[in-house]
C-alpha atoms as a PDB file:
ATOM      1  CA  THR A   1      60.970  29.786  92.635  1.00  0.00           C
ATOM      2  CA  LEU A   2      61.137  27.891  89.346  1.00  0.00           C
ATOM      3  CA  ALA A   3      64.823  27.051  89.892  1.00  0.00           C
ATOM      4  CA  ASN A   4      63.971  25.687  93.360  1.00  0.00           C
ATOM      5  CA  LEU A   5      61.102  23.595  91.987  1.00  0.00           C
ATOM      6  CA  LEU A   6      63.266  22.156  89.210  1.00  0.00           C
ATOM      7  CA  THR A   7      65.979  21.277  91.726  1.00  0.00           C
ATOM      8  CA  ALA A   8      63.418  19.662  94.045  1.00  0.00           C
ATOM      9  CA  ASN A   9      62.495  17.443  91.073  1.00  0.00           C
ATOM     10  CA  ASN A  10      66.083  16.283  90.473  1.00  0.00           C
ATOM     11  CA  LEU A  11      66.917  18.845  87.798  1.00  0.00           C
ATOM     12  CA  ILE A  12      69.696  20.944  89.334  1.00  0.00           C
ATOM     13  CA  ALA A  13      68.877  24.554  88.501  1.00  0.00           C
ATOM     14  CA  CYS A  14      70.107  28.045  89.278  1.00  0.00           C
ATOM     15  CA  SER A  15      68.561  31.468  88.898  1.00  0.00           C
ATOM     16  CA  ARG A  16      70.650  34.241  87.355  1.00  0.00           C
ATOM     17  CA  PRO A  17      70.427  37.405  85.233  1.00  0.00           C
ATOM     18  CA  TYR A  18      70.314  36.941  81.473  1.00  0.00           C
ATOM     19  CA  CYS A  19      73.729  36.089  80.043  1.00  0.00           C
ATOM     20  CA  HIS A  20      75.459  33.964  77.429  1.00  0.00           C
ATOM     21  CA  ASP A  21      77.900  32.353  79.856  1.00  0.00           C
ATOM     22  CA  PRO A  22      77.937  28.572  80.193  1.00  0.00           C
ATOM     23  CA  LEU A  23      76.038  27.179  83.141  1.00  0.00           C
ATOM     24  CA  PRO A  24      77.995  26.496  86.331  1.00  0.00           C
ATOM     25  CA  PRO A  25      79.388  22.960  86.732  1.00  0.00           C
ATOM     26  CA  GLN A  26      76.847  20.339  87.840  1.00  0.00           C
ATOM     27  CA  VAL A  27      73.906  22.630  86.947  1.00  0.00           C
ATOM     28  CA  ASP A  28      71.357  21.286  84.449  1.00  0.00           C
ATOM     29  CA  LEU A  29      69.250  24.404  83.935  1.00  0.00           C
ATOM     30  CA  ALA A  30      69.362  28.156  84.398  1.00  0.00           C
ATOM     31  CA  VAL A  31      66.294  30.311  84.920  1.00  0.00           C
ATOM     32  CA  GLU A  32      67.111  33.766  83.545  1.00  0.00           C
ATOM     33  CA  CYS A  33      65.252  37.062  83.305  1.00  0.00           C
ATOM     34  CA  ASP A  34      64.813  37.928  79.623  1.00  0.00           C
ATOM     35  CA  SER A  35      63.380  41.354  78.850  1.00  0.00           C
ATOM     36  CA  SER A  36      62.579  40.327  75.245  1.00  0.00           C
ATOM     37  CA  VAL A  37      59.900  37.922  76.534  1.00  0.00           C
ATOM     38  CA  ARG A  38      56.544  39.656  76.776  1.00  0.00           C
ATOM     39  CA  GLY A  39      53.368  38.349  78.378  1.00  0.00           C
ATOM     40  CA  MET A  40      50.075  38.384  76.565  1.00  0.00           C
ATOM     41  CA  ASP A  41      48.047  41.501  77.267  1.00  0.00           C
ATOM     42  CA  ASP A  42      44.551  40.179  76.632  1.00  0.00           C
ATOM     43  CA  MET A  43      43.690  39.939  80.369  1.00  0.00           C
ATOM     44  CA  PRO A  44      44.356  42.989  82.534  1.00  0.00           C
ATOM     45  CA  GLY A  45      45.820  42.463  85.995  1.00  0.00           C
ATOM     46  CA  ILE A  46      47.842  39.336  85.219  1.00  0.00           C
ATOM     47  CA  ALA A  47      51.545  39.591  86.025  1.00  0.00           C
ATOM     48  CA  TRP A  48      53.963  37.800  83.733  1.00  0.00           C
ATOM     49  CA  ALA A  49      57.440  36.589  84.555  1.00  0.00           C
ATOM     50  CA  SER A  50      59.686  37.252  81.560  1.00  0.00           C
ATOM     51  CA  ILE A  51      62.053  34.320  81.872  1.00  0.00           C
ATOM     52  CA  GLU A  52      64.122  32.052  79.699  1.00  0.00           C
ATOM     53  CA  LEU A  53      64.938  28.494  80.658  1.00  0.00           C
ATOM     54  CA  LYS A  54      68.352  27.276  79.431  1.00  0.00           C
ATOM     55  CA  THR A  55      69.935  23.849  79.658  1.00  0.00           C
ATOM     56  CA  ARG A  56      73.582  23.048  80.048  1.00  0.00           C
ATOM     57  CA  ILE A  57      75.250  21.575  76.977  1.00  0.00           C
ATOM     58  CA  LEU A  58      73.519  18.234  76.597  1.00  0.00           C
ATOM     59  CA  GLU A  59      75.349  15.064  75.610  1.00  0.00           C
ATOM     60  CA  GLY A  60      73.110  13.232  73.164  1.00  0.00           C
ATOM     61  CA  MET A  61      69.475  12.212  73.132  1.00  0.00           C
ATOM     62  CA  GLY A  62      69.599  10.333  76.454  1.00  0.00           C
ATOM     63  CA  ASP A  63      70.705  13.498  78.225  1.00  0.00           C
ATOM     64  CA  TRP A  64      68.064  15.499  76.335  1.00  0.00           C
ATOM     65  CA  GLU A  65      65.302  13.068  77.303  1.00  0.00           C
ATOM     66  CA  ALA A  66      66.353  13.100  80.975  1.00  0.00           C
ATOM     67  CA  ILE A  67      66.146  16.896  81.247  1.00  0.00           C
ATOM     68  CA  VAL A  68      64.067  18.709  78.630  1.00  0.00           C
ATOM     69  CA  PRO A  69      60.674  16.921  78.801  1.00  0.00           C
ATOM     70  CA  LYS A  70      60.656  16.995  82.614  1.00  0.00           C
ATOM     71  CA  ALA A  71      61.637  20.686  82.727  1.00  0.00           C
ATOM     72  CA  MET A  72      58.996  21.580  80.136  1.00  0.00           C
ATOM     73  CA  SER A  73      56.368  19.583  82.020  1.00  0.00           C
ATOM     74  CA  ILE A  74      57.138  21.465  85.248  1.00  0.00           C
ATOM     75  CA  ALA A  75      57.104  24.841  83.464  1.00  0.00           C
ATOM     76  CA  GLN A  76      53.811  23.984  81.778  1.00  0.00           C
ATOM     77  CA  TYR A  77      52.281  22.819  85.065  1.00  0.00           C
ATOM     78  CA  LEU A  78      53.201  26.196  86.570  1.00  0.00           C
ATOM     79  CA  GLY A  79      51.527  28.032  83.695  1.00  0.00           C
ATOM     80  CA  GLY A  80      54.526  28.575  81.440  1.00  0.00           C
ATOM     81  CA  ARG A  81      53.492  29.763  78.005  1.00  0.00           C
ATOM     82  CA  VAL A  82      54.926  30.181  74.547  1.00  0.00           C
ATOM     83  CA  ASN A  83      53.746  33.170  72.545  1.00  0.00           C
ATOM     84  CA  THR A  84      55.005  35.281  69.647  1.00  0.00           C
ATOM     85  CA  SER A  85      57.804  36.752  71.798  1.00  0.00           C
ATOM     86  CA  THR A  86      59.118  33.352  72.836  1.00  0.00           C
ATOM     87  CA  GLY A  87      60.282  30.211  71.165  1.00  0.00           C
ATOM     88  CA  PHE A  88      62.396  27.123  71.418  1.00  0.00           C
ATOM     89  CA  HIS A  89      65.874  26.863  70.023  1.00  0.00           C
ATOM     90  CA  VAL A  90      68.805  24.522  70.277  1.00  0.00           C
ATOM     91  CA  HIS A  91      72.504  25.298  70.051  1.00  0.00           C
ATOM     92  CA  VAL A  92      74.355  22.505  68.263  1.00  0.00           C
ATOM     93  CA  ASP A  93      78.108  21.994  68.491  1.00  0.00           C
ATOM     94  CA  PHE A  94      79.645  22.490  65.018  1.00  0.00           C
ATOM     95  CA  PRO A  95      83.407  21.726  65.156  1.00  0.00           C
ATOM     96  CA  GLU A  96      83.223  20.672  61.503  1.00  0.00           C
ATOM     97  CA  ALA A  97      83.110  24.376  60.641  1.00  0.00           C
ATOM     98  CA  ARG A  98      86.776  24.738  61.590  1.00  0.00           C
ATOM     99  CA  GLN A  99      87.960  21.385  60.272  1.00  0.00           C
ATOM    100  CA  HIS A 100      85.996  21.408  57.001  1.00  0.00           C
ATOM    101  CA  PRO A 101      84.583  24.911  56.351  1.00  0.00           C
ATOM    102  CA  THR A 102      82.684  23.745  53.262  1.00  0.00           C
ATOM    103  CA  LYS A 103      80.310  21.967  55.690  1.00  0.00           C
ATOM    104  CA  ILE A 104      78.973  25.456  56.467  1.00  0.00           C
ATOM    105  CA  ARG A 105      77.873  25.826  52.841  1.00  0.00           C
ATOM    106  CA  SER A 106      76.401  22.310  52.795  1.00  0.00           C
ATOM    107  CA  LEU A 107      74.363  23.002  55.916  1.00  0.00           C
ATOM    108  CA  TYR A 108      73.224  26.407  54.630  1.00  0.00           C
ATOM    109  CA  ASN A 109      72.157  24.901  51.287  1.00  0.00           C
ATOM    110  CA  LEU A 110      70.282  22.053  52.986  1.00  0.00           C
ATOM    111  CA  ILE A 111      68.360  24.370  55.301  1.00  0.00           C
ATOM    112  CA  HIS A 112      67.775  26.900  52.508  1.00  0.00           C
ATOM    113  CA  ARG A 113      66.324  24.152  50.326  1.00  0.00           C
ATOM    114  CA  PHE A 114      63.853  22.985  52.994  1.00  0.00           C
ATOM    115  CA  ASP A 115      63.200  26.293  54.750  1.00  0.00           C
ATOM    116  CA  GLY A 116      59.694  26.561  53.283  1.00  0.00           C
ATOM    117  CA  ILE A 117      58.790  23.076  54.468  1.00  0.00           C
ATOM    118  CA  LEU A 118      60.215  23.692  57.945  1.00  0.00           C
ATOM    119  CA  PHE A 119      58.303  26.946  58.332  1.00  0.00           C
ATOM    120  CA  GLY A 120      55.188  25.230  56.985  1.00  0.00           C
ATOM    121  CA  LEU A 121      55.232  23.062  60.117  1.00  0.00           C
ATOM    122  CA  VAL A 122      55.019  25.939  62.603  1.00  0.00           C
ATOM    123  CA  ALA A 123      52.542  28.715  63.302  1.00  0.00           C
ATOM    124  CA  PRO A 124      52.481  31.391  60.559  1.00  0.00           C
ATOM    125  CA  SER A 125      53.484  34.005  63.159  1.00  0.00           C
ATOM    126  CA  ARG A 126      56.951  32.363  63.392  1.00  0.00           C
ATOM    127  CA  LYS A 127      57.772  33.659  59.903  1.00  0.00           C
ATOM    128  CA  THR A 128      57.418  37.256  61.021  1.00  0.00           C
ATOM    129  CA  CYS A 129      58.113  37.154  64.766  1.00  0.00           C
ATOM    130  CA  GLY A 130      61.696  38.356  64.326  1.00  0.00           C
ATOM    131  CA  TYR A 131      63.296  35.577  66.394  1.00  0.00           C
ATOM    132  CA  ALA A 132      63.634  32.633  64.014  1.00  0.00           C
ATOM    133  CA  LYS A 133      62.708  33.879  60.589  1.00  0.00           C
ATOM    134  CA  PRO A 134      63.257  32.062  57.280  1.00  0.00           C
ATOM    135  CA  LEU A 135      66.642  32.405  55.600  1.00  0.00           C
ATOM    136  CA  PRO A 136      67.081  35.237  53.107  1.00  0.00           C
ATOM    137  CA  ASN A 137      66.596  34.220  49.495  1.00  0.00           C
ATOM    138  CA  HIS A 138      70.288  33.962  48.582  1.00  0.00           C
ATOM    139  CA  SER A 139      70.612  30.450  47.185  1.00  0.00           C
ATOM    140  CA  ARG A 140      74.239  30.976  46.099  1.00  0.00           C
ATOM    141  CA  LEU A 141      75.316  33.158  49.020  1.00  0.00           C
ATOM    142  CA  LEU A 142      78.215  30.876  49.992  1.00  0.00           C
ATOM    143  CA  HIS A 143      78.893  29.424  46.532  1.00  0.00           C
ATOM    144  CA  ARG A 144      82.517  30.573  46.195  1.00  0.00           C
ATOM    145  CA  CYS A 145      83.545  30.162  49.843  1.00  0.00           C
ATOM    146  CA  ARG A 146      86.202  27.554  50.585  1.00  0.00           C
ATOM    147  CA  GLY A 147      87.840  28.654  53.876  1.00  0.00           C
ATOM    148  CA  ILE A 148      86.781  30.232  57.163  1.00  0.00           C
ATOM    149  CA  ARG A 149      87.711  33.813  56.117  1.00  0.00           C
ATOM    150  CA  PRO A 150      85.564  33.824  52.933  1.00  0.00           C
ATOM    151  CA  PHE A 151      82.636  32.441  54.936  1.00  0.00           C
ATOM    152  CA  GLN A 152      83.132  35.143  57.572  1.00  0.00           C
ATOM    153  CA  ARG A 153      83.136  37.833  54.867  1.00  0.00           C
ATOM    154  CA  ALA A 154      80.045  36.412  53.158  1.00  0.00           C
ATOM    155  CA  LEU A 155      78.189  36.220  56.465  1.00  0.00           C
ATOM    156  CA  ALA A 156      79.406  39.544  57.906  1.00  0.00           C
ATOM    157  CA  GLY A 157      76.440  41.281  59.453  1.00  0.00           C
ATOM    158  CA  TRP A 158      74.449  38.027  59.415  1.00  0.00           C
ATOM    159  CA  ASP A 159      71.364  38.266  61.587  1.00  0.00           C
ATOM    160  CA  ARG A 160      71.270  35.790  64.494  1.00  0.00           C
ATOM    161  CA  HIS A 161      67.486  35.687  64.277  1.00  0.00           C
ATOM    162  CA  TYR A 162      67.251  33.277  61.348  1.00  0.00           C
ATOM    163  CA  GLY A 163      66.019  29.727  61.859  1.00  0.00           C
ATOM    164  CA  LEU A 164      69.618  28.756  61.110  1.00  0.00           C
ATOM    165  CA  ASN A 165      71.856  31.023  63.183  1.00  0.00           C
ATOM    166  CA  LEU A 166      75.334  31.009  61.627  1.00  0.00           C
ATOM    167  CA  THR A 167      76.803  33.840  63.714  1.00  0.00           C
ATOM    168  CA  ASN A 168      78.903  31.535  65.914  1.00  0.00           C
ATOM    169  CA  PHE A 169      80.339  29.050  63.407  1.00  0.00           C
ATOM    170  CA  ALA A 170      83.845  30.537  63.679  1.00  0.00           C
ATOM    171  CA  GLY A 171      84.008  31.175  67.429  1.00  0.00           C
ATOM    172  CA  SER A 172      86.241  29.450  69.965  1.00  0.00           C
ATOM    173  CA  GLU A 173      83.425  26.900  70.445  1.00  0.00           C
ATOM    174  CA  PRO A 174      81.812  26.709  66.999  1.00  0.00           C
ATOM    175  CA  HIS A 175      78.060  26.150  67.152  1.00  0.00           C
ATOM    176  CA  ILE A 176      74.902  26.882  65.236  1.00  0.00           C
END
């Protein structure tokens, strides 16, 4: 239903099971079932739809502004909610990781330095929700890394649930 409503409002959408695959060509949004999303349980008898709304890869701020605010407005109008099991995240293309691996360290150090300020801007529950937690306190974690392999070793077992998700910096389509 949500995918149909988005499409009726000039945001081409599809409905599909949860997956990490790119969206089909010419599709702006995917409405996916996500079992990690839980409804609030403070009112018995209310049914919750555990869904995630994903955009295609967006090309700059103009593309963002044409899709995201309108989609969020429609979801909010329909009663969409954000709670401790949900959130908002953005995947950012990071080809610099392959071309200049030391950019990984620079980004990590920048986010590590301002992590406290960033998490001071959101609800306290975000620090402990398990989905976008603050970075571990390893200020020199990547200090000696110069190439992709040393970064991969240093970040082996890295948790994707940090505010800065570095698990895909070395993939075929590097992103954070």
